[in-house]
Protein backbone atom coordinates (compact mmCIF):
# COMPACT_ATOMS: atom_id res chain seq x y z
CA MET A 1 19.79 -32.90 7.85
CA THR A 2 17.32 -35.54 9.07
CA ARG A 3 14.04 -35.03 10.82
CA ASN A 4 12.15 -37.35 13.15
CA LEU A 5 9.14 -38.56 11.20
CA PRO A 6 5.90 -38.30 13.20
CA ALA A 7 3.50 -41.14 13.66
CA LYS A 8 0.34 -40.89 11.59
CA ARG A 9 -2.32 -38.90 13.41
CA GLY A 10 -5.40 -36.83 12.66
CA TYR A 11 -5.25 -33.14 11.94
CA SER A 12 -7.65 -30.43 10.82
CA LEU A 13 -7.60 -27.09 9.06
CA ASP A 14 -7.38 -25.47 12.49
CA HIS A 15 -3.91 -27.00 12.88
CA LEU A 16 -2.89 -25.38 9.61
CA ARG A 17 -4.38 -22.01 10.62
CA TRP A 18 -2.38 -22.05 13.86
CA LEU A 19 0.71 -23.07 11.89
CA GLN A 20 0.26 -20.26 9.37
CA VAL A 21 -0.05 -17.54 12.01
CA LEU A 22 2.87 -18.83 14.09
CA LEU A 23 5.17 -19.02 11.07
CA GLU A 24 4.08 -15.63 9.73
CA GLU A 25 4.53 -13.89 13.06
CA GLU A 26 7.62 -15.83 14.20
CA SER A 27 6.53 -15.01 17.74
CA VAL A 28 4.24 -16.71 20.26
CA THR A 29 3.30 -13.31 21.70
CA ARG A 30 2.35 -11.75 18.37
CA ALA A 31 0.55 -14.88 17.21
CA ALA A 32 -1.49 -14.89 20.43
CA LYS A 33 -2.47 -11.24 19.92
CA ARG A 34 -3.44 -11.84 16.30
CA LEU A 35 -5.56 -14.87 17.22
CA LYS A 36 -6.93 -13.16 20.35
CA VAL A 37 -5.94 -16.02 22.64
CA SER A 38 -3.53 -16.40 25.56
CA GLU A 39 0.18 -16.95 25.10
CA ALA A 40 -0.13 -20.19 27.09
CA ALA A 41 -2.70 -21.55 24.63
CA THR A 42 -0.51 -20.50 21.71
CA SER A 43 2.50 -22.24 23.24
CA ARG A 44 0.47 -25.43 23.65
CA HIS A 45 -0.57 -25.31 20.01
CA LEU A 46 3.05 -24.78 18.95
CA ALA A 47 4.06 -27.85 20.98
CA SER A 48 1.25 -29.85 19.36
CA LEU A 49 2.35 -28.74 15.88
CA ARG A 50 5.95 -29.72 16.62
CA THR A 51 4.77 -33.20 17.49
CA LEU A 52 2.47 -33.39 14.49
CA PHE A 53 5.18 -32.41 11.99
CA GLY A 54 8.14 -33.97 13.77
CA ASP A 55 10.08 -30.69 13.49
CA PRO A 56 10.84 -27.82 15.92
CA LEU A 57 9.30 -25.38 13.38
CA LEU A 58 10.48 -22.30 15.35
CA VAL A 59 13.78 -22.19 17.24
CA LEU A 60 15.49 -19.56 19.34
CA SER A 61 18.14 -17.38 17.70
CA GLY A 62 19.30 -14.97 20.36
CA ARG A 63 16.06 -13.60 21.77
CA GLN A 64 13.97 -14.23 18.66
CA LEU A 65 12.25 -17.24 17.17
CA VAL A 66 13.26 -18.12 13.62
CA PRO A 67 11.73 -20.78 11.35
CA THR A 68 13.57 -23.99 10.58
CA PRO A 69 14.31 -24.75 6.90
CA PHE A 70 11.42 -27.21 6.92
CA ALA A 71 9.06 -24.55 8.31
CA THR A 72 10.22 -21.98 5.75
CA ASP A 73 9.42 -24.41 2.96
CA LEU A 74 6.10 -25.28 4.57
CA LEU A 75 4.70 -21.75 4.96
CA GLY A 76 3.90 -21.06 1.30
CA ARG A 77 2.24 -24.43 0.88
CA VAL A 78 0.13 -23.93 4.01
CA GLN A 79 -0.97 -20.47 2.83
CA THR A 80 -2.03 -21.97 -0.51
CA VAL A 81 -3.98 -24.82 1.09
CA LEU A 82 -5.83 -22.46 3.44
CA ALA A 83 -6.59 -19.97 0.67
CA GLU A 84 -8.06 -22.75 -1.46
CA ALA A 85 -10.06 -24.07 1.49
CA GLU A 86 -11.47 -20.60 2.13
CA ALA A 87 -12.45 -20.36 -1.51
CA LEU A 88 -14.30 -23.68 -1.28
CA VAL A 89 -16.45 -22.62 1.65
CA SER A 90 -17.05 -19.07 0.43
CA ALA A 91 -19.71 -20.08 -2.09
CA ARG A 92 -18.15 -17.56 -4.42
CA ALA A 93 -20.44 -18.35 -7.31
CA HIS A 94 -23.48 -17.54 -5.14
CA LEU A 95 -22.10 -14.43 -3.47
CA ASP A 96 -24.83 -11.78 -3.19
CA LEU A 97 -23.05 -8.52 -2.46
CA SER A 98 -26.33 -6.72 -1.83
CA GLN A 99 -26.96 -8.92 1.21
CA ILE A 100 -23.64 -8.41 3.01
CA ALA A 101 -22.02 -5.46 4.81
CA PRO A 102 -18.28 -5.69 4.07
CA HIS A 103 -15.89 -3.42 5.95
CA PHE A 104 -12.52 -2.62 4.39
CA THR A 105 -9.54 -0.79 5.88
CA ILE A 106 -7.30 0.68 3.18
CA ARG A 107 -4.04 2.55 3.71
CA ALA A 108 -3.47 5.26 1.10
CA ARG A 109 -2.06 8.76 0.75
CA ASP A 110 -4.43 11.70 1.02
CA LEU A 111 -3.86 12.69 -2.62
CA PHE A 112 -5.09 9.29 -3.81
CA ILE A 113 -8.09 9.49 -1.49
CA GLY A 114 -8.94 12.99 -2.71
CA ALA A 115 -8.65 12.00 -6.35
CA PHE A 116 -10.35 8.61 -6.30
CA GLY A 117 -11.93 7.95 -2.89
CA SER A 118 -15.42 9.21 -3.68
CA ALA A 119 -15.64 7.36 -7.00
CA ILE A 120 -14.43 4.12 -5.39
CA ALA A 121 -16.93 4.36 -2.54
CA GLN A 122 -19.77 5.05 -4.98
CA LYS A 123 -18.93 2.02 -7.15
CA LEU A 124 -18.60 -0.28 -4.14
CA ARG A 125 -21.93 0.84 -2.69
CA GLU A 126 -23.71 0.40 -6.00
CA ALA A 127 -23.12 -3.34 -5.66
CA SER A 128 -23.13 -3.53 -1.86
CA PRO A 129 -25.15 -0.68 -0.29
CA ARG A 130 -23.94 -1.48 3.24
CA CYS A 131 -20.26 -1.56 2.29
CA GLN A 132 -18.00 0.66 4.40
CA VAL A 133 -14.47 1.79 3.53
CA VAL A 134 -12.08 3.20 6.11
CA PHE A 135 -9.05 4.97 4.64
CA SER A 136 -6.33 4.54 7.24
CA PRO A 137 -3.56 7.16 7.50
CA GLU A 138 0.02 6.18 6.75
CA THR A 139 2.02 5.35 9.88
CA GLU A 140 5.57 4.38 10.74
CA ASP A 141 4.83 0.64 10.95
CA SER A 142 5.75 -1.64 8.06
CA ILE A 143 3.09 -1.94 5.37
CA GLY A 144 4.04 -5.58 4.83
CA ASP A 145 3.53 -6.35 8.52
CA ALA A 146 0.19 -4.51 8.57
CA LEU A 147 -1.04 -6.57 5.62
CA ARG A 148 0.29 -9.78 7.12
CA ARG A 149 -1.37 -9.15 10.48
CA GLY A 150 -4.65 -8.04 8.92
CA THR A 151 -4.68 -4.57 10.48
CA ILE A 152 -5.27 -3.27 6.95
CA ASP A 153 -6.97 -5.11 4.08
CA LEU A 154 -5.27 -3.27 1.23
CA TYR A 155 -2.43 -0.84 0.62
CA ILE A 156 -2.49 1.69 -2.22
CA GLY A 157 0.67 3.62 -2.97
CA ALA A 158 4.14 3.36 -4.42
CA THR A 159 6.39 2.18 -1.59
CA GLN A 160 8.84 -0.67 -2.11
CA ASP A 161 8.72 -1.53 1.61
CA LEU A 162 6.85 -4.79 1.08
CA LEU A 163 7.41 -8.35 2.24
CA PRO A 164 8.31 -10.86 -0.50
CA GLU A 165 4.99 -12.70 -0.34
CA ILE A 166 2.83 -9.58 -0.74
CA LYS A 167 0.90 -9.47 -4.01
CA LYS A 168 0.45 -6.24 -5.95
CA GLN A 169 -1.26 -4.86 -9.04
CA THR A 170 -0.49 -1.63 -10.89
CA LEU A 171 -3.32 0.93 -10.88
CA PHE A 172 -1.76 3.75 -12.90
CA GLN A 173 1.53 5.31 -13.92
CA THR A 174 2.11 9.06 -13.95
CA ARG A 175 4.84 11.67 -14.10
CA PHE A 176 5.62 14.49 -11.68
CA GLU A 177 4.85 18.13 -12.45
CA ALA A 178 5.32 21.32 -10.43
CA VAL A 179 2.62 23.52 -8.91
CA VAL A 180 3.17 27.25 -8.26
CA ARG A 181 0.94 30.24 -7.65
CA ALA A 182 -0.63 31.97 -10.63
CA GLY A 183 1.62 34.85 -11.60
CA HIS A 184 4.76 33.19 -10.25
CA PRO A 185 7.85 34.81 -11.87
CA ILE A 186 9.13 31.43 -13.10
CA LEU A 187 6.19 31.36 -15.53
CA ASP A 188 7.43 34.53 -17.26
CA GLN A 189 10.69 32.97 -18.44
CA GLU A 190 12.01 29.78 -19.95
CA ILE A 191 11.85 27.06 -17.33
CA THR A 192 15.26 25.42 -17.06
CA PRO A 193 17.08 23.48 -14.35
CA GLN A 194 18.82 26.73 -13.44
CA THR A 195 15.65 28.78 -13.08
CA LEU A 196 14.01 25.91 -11.19
CA VAL A 197 16.63 25.95 -8.42
CA ALA A 198 16.46 29.73 -8.09
CA TYR A 199 13.32 29.35 -5.95
CA ASP A 200 12.56 27.56 -2.70
CA HIS A 201 10.86 24.16 -2.88
CA ILE A 202 8.44 22.11 -0.80
CA SER A 203 9.07 18.41 -0.21
CA THR A 204 6.31 16.02 0.82
CA SER A 205 7.38 13.13 3.02
CA ARG A 206 5.62 11.32 5.83
CA LYS A 207 9.05 10.36 7.17
CA GLY A 208 10.50 13.87 6.95
CA ARG A 209 12.77 13.17 3.99
CA ALA A 210 13.72 16.35 2.15
CA HIS A 211 15.28 14.89 -0.99
CA GLY A 212 14.25 12.43 -3.69
CA PRO A 213 14.46 11.66 -7.44
CA ILE A 214 14.28 15.34 -8.47
CA ASP A 215 17.39 16.11 -6.43
CA THR A 216 19.21 13.08 -7.83
CA VAL A 217 18.63 14.22 -11.43
CA LEU A 218 19.60 17.83 -10.66
CA ALA A 219 22.82 16.76 -8.96
CA GLU A 220 23.92 14.05 -11.39
CA ARG A 221 23.01 15.75 -14.69
CA TYR A 222 23.40 19.46 -13.93
CA GLY A 223 25.46 19.75 -10.74
CA LEU A 224 22.60 21.71 -9.15
CA GLU A 225 20.85 21.53 -5.80
CA ARG A 226 17.32 22.50 -4.79
CA ARG A 227 16.69 24.63 -1.72
CA ILE A 228 14.15 22.68 0.33
CA ALA A 229 12.52 25.32 2.50
CA LEU A 230 9.68 23.20 3.81
CA VAL A 231 9.02 19.49 4.37
CA VAL A 232 5.37 18.58 4.96
CA PRO A 233 3.81 15.17 5.80
CA SER A 234 0.74 15.55 3.60
CA ASP A 235 0.31 16.36 -0.08
CA TYR A 236 -2.64 18.62 0.68
CA ALA A 237 -0.88 20.53 3.46
CA MET A 238 0.18 23.40 1.18
CA ILE A 239 -2.15 23.25 -1.82
CA GLU A 240 -4.68 25.76 -0.51
CA THR A 241 -1.95 28.29 0.39
CA MET A 242 0.21 28.05 -2.74
CA ARG A 243 -1.21 31.41 -3.86
CA GLU A 244 0.62 33.02 -0.91
CA THR A 245 4.15 31.80 -1.66
CA ASP A 246 6.78 31.60 -4.38
CA MET A 247 7.75 28.07 -3.32
CA ILE A 248 7.42 25.19 -5.81
CA LEU A 249 5.46 22.03 -4.98
CA PRO A 250 5.99 18.81 -7.01
CA LEU A 251 2.90 16.62 -7.38
CA PRO A 252 1.86 13.63 -9.55
CA GLU A 253 0.45 14.92 -12.84
CA ILE A 254 -2.68 12.72 -12.73
CA ILE A 255 -3.50 14.18 -9.30
CA ILE A 256 -2.93 17.77 -10.48
CA ARG A 257 -5.60 17.20 -13.11
CA ARG A 258 -8.11 16.55 -10.32
CA LEU A 259 -7.29 19.84 -8.57
CA PRO A 260 -9.26 23.08 -9.15
CA LEU A 261 -6.09 24.98 -10.03
CA GLU A 262 -7.86 28.15 -11.14
CA GLY A 263 -9.98 28.18 -8.01
CA ILE A 264 -6.96 27.97 -5.71
CA GLY A 265 -4.95 30.45 -7.75
CA ALA A 266 -2.34 27.97 -8.96
CA LYS A 267 -0.63 26.86 -12.17
CA ALA A 268 1.22 23.67 -13.10
CA PHE A 269 4.18 23.12 -15.40
CA ALA A 270 6.33 20.19 -16.52
CA PHE A 271 9.83 19.74 -15.18
CA PRO A 272 12.50 20.66 -17.76
CA PHE A 273 14.08 17.21 -17.57
CA PRO A 274 12.82 13.60 -17.51
CA LEU A 275 12.02 12.05 -14.13
CA PRO A 276 11.18 8.46 -13.16
CA ASP A 277 7.44 7.83 -13.38
CA LEU A 278 5.42 7.26 -10.24
CA VAL A 279 3.85 3.79 -10.36
CA SER A 280 0.85 3.47 -8.04
CA PHE A 281 -0.35 -0.03 -7.14
CA GLN A 282 -2.63 -1.89 -4.77
CA ALA A 283 -1.11 -4.58 -2.54
CA TRP A 284 -2.59 -7.35 -0.41
CA HIS A 285 -1.62 -10.45 1.54
CA PRO A 286 -1.82 -13.75 -0.41
CA ARG A 287 -4.24 -15.26 2.11
CA LEU A 288 -6.87 -12.89 0.63
CA ASP A 289 -6.01 -13.60 -2.99
CA ASN A 290 -8.93 -16.01 -3.54
CA ASP A 291 -11.35 -14.38 -1.14
CA PRO A 292 -14.35 -13.43 -3.30
CA VAL A 293 -15.23 -10.25 -1.42
CA HIS A 294 -11.65 -9.01 -1.36
CA ARG A 295 -11.26 -9.84 -5.04
CA TRP A 296 -14.40 -7.82 -5.77
CA LEU A 297 -12.85 -4.91 -3.82
CA ARG A 298 -9.63 -5.07 -5.86
CA GLU A 299 -11.41 -5.42 -9.20
CA THR A 300 -13.69 -2.48 -8.37
CA ILE A 301 -10.79 -0.25 -7.35
CA LEU A 302 -8.81 -1.17 -10.47
CA SER A 303 -11.66 -0.52 -12.88
CA THR A 304 -12.74 2.69 -11.13
CA VAL A 305 -9.26 4.21 -10.95
CA GLN A 306 -8.48 3.35 -14.55
CA SER A 307 -11.82 4.79 -15.66
CA VAL A 308 -11.15 8.07 -13.84
CA VAL A 309 -7.60 8.26 -15.21
CA LYS A 310 -8.81 7.62 -18.77
CA ALA A 311 -11.48 10.32 -18.46
CA LEU A 312 -8.93 12.84 -17.20
CA ARG A 313 -6.50 12.08 -20.01
CA ASP A 314 -9.22 12.13 -22.66
CA ARG A 315 -10.30 15.52 -21.38
CA GLN A 316 -6.75 16.81 -21.73
CA GLY A 317 -6.34 15.20 -25.16
CA THR A 318 -3.36 13.01 -24.11
């Protein structure tokens, strides 16, 4: 396929910034909202970019705009150029964190926030006393889209619902264990797959999903099925009231170690069969990869979480 080659003309980084947002959003309307300008102005910039590059860049497919092959190839290169340009003007080597007031919006589950939020905030504010962190609740919108549009700066969790370009870094890996009330009858006998399914269970899912890896293992290996009596959207929704029920609540083991089990009248035990580990990671959009302040955020979170995890495991002798 041939393309009309444009005549040589001047361009600036602003052209590339407009191009990046238009190609990432694949919509004049969404690009206008992200850039906080009118749709008419965005349309004019798209027309200018089409002339500059000698390519339609975005074309109609039904009611949606889709990138041309040339534009698809161009996006990654444009993101790289802009990221490197941002790094050049950031004066990274001379960054004085004590003199700035960074504001970060992070999407994470409540269990992560409860286990690590305070330690993370303390470490960040040691270097930057005016730093503010907002932990945003999980919502139905795509995490990849939220990172792409900049509505959140960082995602911490384990979802695989990410766009291909999103970067991620593992924070910790842990197994699942079960939490029950102290004195639960299952603790007085050998815990087996059969005794496990004799009691009602609680499932935690923001999207209302009752079943997961535990049910897959029970069905495929033992021909058994859990009775899911309750599905809750938050990990902390039932912790304080576990002493009042015989239901069983699965939770990540590293999180259980941060809970005052004795104080809430609860006990934890290992599942009587192997389960896939939970891998928790932090994820961000590549445009922030070389941003010195965002990199400081990621490095601080990584070191803080790993330090807390190590301390917990050393305390338990594992």
